[in-house]
Protein backbone atom coordinates (compact mmCIF):
# COMPACT_ATOMS: atom_id res chain seq x y z
CA MET A 1 -34.67 -2.04 42.11
CA THR A 2 -33.30 0.75 44.21
CA LEU A 3 -34.63 3.76 42.28
CA ALA A 4 -38.22 4.49 41.06
CA TYR A 5 -38.65 4.75 37.22
CA LEU A 6 -40.10 7.96 35.82
CA ALA A 7 -40.87 8.55 32.11
CA GLN A 8 -42.31 11.82 30.84
CA ARG A 9 -44.68 11.65 27.82
CA GLU A 10 -42.02 12.29 25.30
CA GLN A 11 -39.98 9.39 26.60
CA GLN A 12 -42.85 6.90 26.16
CA GLN A 13 -42.75 4.83 22.95
CA LYS A 14 -45.87 5.32 20.79
CA LEU A 15 -46.79 2.64 18.24
CA GLU A 16 -49.15 2.55 15.33
CA TRP A 17 -51.63 -0.30 16.09
CA LEU A 18 -54.71 -2.04 14.81
CA ASP A 19 -57.42 -0.11 12.83
CA GLY A 20 -55.63 3.22 12.85
CA GLY A 21 -55.15 3.27 16.66
CA THR A 22 -52.02 3.67 18.81
CA PHE A 23 -50.54 1.91 21.66
CA SER A 24 -48.13 3.80 24.04
CA VAL A 25 -45.68 1.78 26.08
CA LEU A 26 -45.84 3.67 29.43
CA LEU A 27 -43.90 1.26 31.50
CA GLY A 28 -42.23 -1.99 30.17
CA LYS A 29 -40.60 -4.96 31.69
CA ASP A 30 -37.14 -3.30 31.63
CA ALA A 31 -38.49 -0.37 33.78
CA THR A 32 -40.22 -2.71 36.29
CA GLU A 33 -37.80 -5.60 36.79
CA GLY A 34 -40.18 -7.68 34.68
CA LYS A 35 -43.04 -7.25 37.04
CA LEU A 36 -45.52 -5.47 34.76
CA THR A 37 -46.34 -3.65 31.64
CA VAL A 38 -48.46 -0.60 31.52
CA GLY A 39 -49.80 0.72 28.14
CA ARG A 40 -52.38 3.01 26.74
CA PHE A 41 -54.48 2.59 23.68
CA ASP A 42 -56.09 5.43 21.67
CA VAL A 43 -58.25 3.67 19.23
CA PRO A 44 -61.24 4.36 16.90
CA ARG A 45 -64.74 2.93 16.77
CA GLY A 46 -64.69 -0.71 15.63
CA GLU A 47 -61.05 -1.44 16.72
CA ALA A 48 -61.08 -5.14 17.87
CA PRO A 49 -58.21 -7.53 18.39
CA PRO A 50 -58.62 -11.17 17.52
CA PHE A 51 -60.23 -13.40 20.09
CA HIS A 52 -57.15 -14.57 22.08
CA LEU A 53 -55.69 -15.82 25.31
CA HIS A 54 -52.61 -15.13 27.32
CA THR A 55 -50.40 -17.97 28.54
CA ARG A 56 -47.91 -15.72 30.44
CA GLU A 57 -49.70 -12.77 31.92
CA ASP A 58 -52.86 -11.54 33.59
CA GLU A 59 -54.36 -8.40 32.11
CA VAL A 60 -56.44 -5.42 33.34
CA PHE A 61 -58.19 -2.97 31.13
CA LEU A 62 -59.54 0.40 32.36
CA LEU A 63 -61.72 2.19 29.87
CA VAL A 64 -60.79 5.83 30.68
CA LYS A 65 -62.95 7.22 27.99
CA GLY A 66 -65.37 5.66 25.59
CA THR A 67 -67.49 2.46 25.37
CA ALA A 68 -66.80 -1.06 24.42
CA VAL A 69 -68.23 -4.64 24.32
CA VAL A 70 -65.94 -7.13 26.04
CA TRP A 71 -65.96 -10.92 25.64
CA CYS A 72 -64.54 -13.00 28.51
CA GLY A 73 -64.87 -16.67 27.44
CA GLU A 74 -68.40 -16.81 25.96
CA GLU A 75 -69.83 -13.98 28.24
CA GLU A 76 -70.43 -10.59 26.53
CA HIS A 77 -70.43 -7.43 28.60
CA GLU A 78 -70.90 -3.75 27.94
CA LEU A 79 -68.06 -1.68 29.43
CA GLY A 80 -68.71 2.05 29.97
CA GLU A 81 -66.39 4.92 30.67
CA GLY A 82 -64.54 4.27 33.93
CA GLY A 83 -65.21 0.56 33.72
CA ILE A 84 -62.54 -1.99 34.52
CA VAL A 85 -62.05 -5.66 33.59
CA TYR A 86 -59.68 -8.30 34.88
CA LEU A 87 -58.65 -10.98 32.41
CA PRO A 88 -56.76 -13.89 34.01
CA ARG A 89 -54.31 -15.78 31.90
CA GLY A 90 -55.82 -18.74 30.05
CA ILE A 91 -59.22 -17.07 29.59
CA PRO A 92 -60.06 -16.28 25.91
CA HIS A 93 -61.09 -12.65 25.48
CA SER A 94 -61.54 -9.66 23.11
CA TYR A 95 -63.31 -6.39 22.91
CA ARG A 96 -64.73 -4.09 20.19
CA ILE A 97 -64.85 -0.29 20.64
CA THR A 98 -68.36 1.05 20.27
CA SER A 99 -67.78 4.83 20.81
CA GLU A 100 -66.21 7.17 18.29
CA ARG A 101 -62.82 6.83 20.12
CA ALA A 102 -61.58 5.11 23.23
CA ASP A 103 -58.88 5.73 25.69
CA LEU A 104 -57.96 2.39 27.24
CA LEU A 105 -55.30 1.78 30.03
CA MET A 106 -53.80 -1.70 30.05
CA ILE A 107 -51.83 -3.31 32.85
CA ALA A 108 -50.32 -6.77 32.45
CA THR A 109 -48.33 -8.82 34.95
CA PRO A 110 -45.74 -10.04 34.65
CA GLY A 111 -44.27 -7.54 32.11
CA GLY A 112 -43.09 -8.37 28.60
CA ILE A 113 -46.24 -8.15 26.43
CA GLU A 114 -45.07 -4.80 25.06
CA GLY A 115 -42.69 -6.90 22.87
CA MET A 116 -45.73 -8.21 20.97
CA PHE A 117 -46.86 -4.64 20.25
CA ARG A 118 -43.29 -3.63 19.18
CA HIS A 119 -42.99 -6.66 16.93
CA ALA A 120 -46.27 -6.08 14.94
CA GLY A 121 -46.68 -2.36 15.36
CA ARG A 122 -44.69 0.55 14.07
CA ASP A 123 -42.80 3.20 16.12
CA LEU A 124 -44.37 6.55 15.36
CA ALA A 125 -40.91 8.17 15.80
CA THR A 126 -39.85 6.55 12.40
CA PRO A 127 -41.13 7.31 8.97
CA ARG A 128 -44.14 5.27 7.90
CA PRO A 129 -43.38 2.86 5.03
CA GLU A 130 -45.90 3.19 2.21
CA ASP A 131 -46.88 -0.51 2.40
CA PHE A 132 -47.09 -0.73 6.32
CA GLU A 133 -49.84 -2.92 7.65
CA ILE A 134 -50.34 -5.19 10.46
CA SER A 135 -51.58 -8.33 8.65
CA PRO A 136 -53.31 -11.22 10.43
CA SER A 137 -50.20 -13.33 9.87
CA LEU A 138 -47.84 -10.73 11.44
CA LEU A 139 -50.20 -10.32 14.32
CA ALA A 140 -50.35 -14.08 14.89
CA GLU A 141 -46.57 -14.27 14.73
CA ALA A 142 -46.14 -11.58 17.27
CA ALA A 143 -48.78 -13.08 19.45
CA GLY A 144 -47.03 -16.46 19.38
CA LEU A 145 -43.65 -15.00 20.20
CA TYR A 146 -45.02 -13.45 23.36
CA GLY A 147 -47.22 -16.33 24.66
CA ASN A 148 -50.54 -15.28 23.24
CA ILE A 149 -52.73 -17.65 21.24
CA VAL A 150 -55.15 -16.34 18.70
CA VAL A 151 -58.29 -18.53 18.99
CA GLY A 152 -60.61 -16.72 16.59
CA PRO A 153 -61.28 -13.71 14.49
CA PRO A 154 -62.28 -10.35 15.98
CA ARG A 155 -65.87 -10.32 17.20
């Protein structure tokens, strides 16, 4: 890459995600030569992805604002505002938001996981279909396409 990549807020794709939250693709694999994905979640209390693991990437979450419970394997941890967690590939994990809302920064390396969010989520720049939902089967399909394995329900 010979040039840095810069994307203003209005250039970043924002997707409808689980439990009424959103996921913004800040940097994807195409902008980073496949090296990483950076995304940001804005999610309400109770938002919780299925217990899952990644086969392709390592993941870092920084809780910019809010509180959450995080599971890494069978360990349970409270994560407070400003807390950060590193989740290596192959380790089952999940979280549940315990504050009213949370602002969560995600970094995954190598890049590409944004494809999963695009596959199951909905681009907020498009009209919302009346019957839109991210069903467990659609989420499992998207996860499988991008090297993630759902190992259990949300916790």
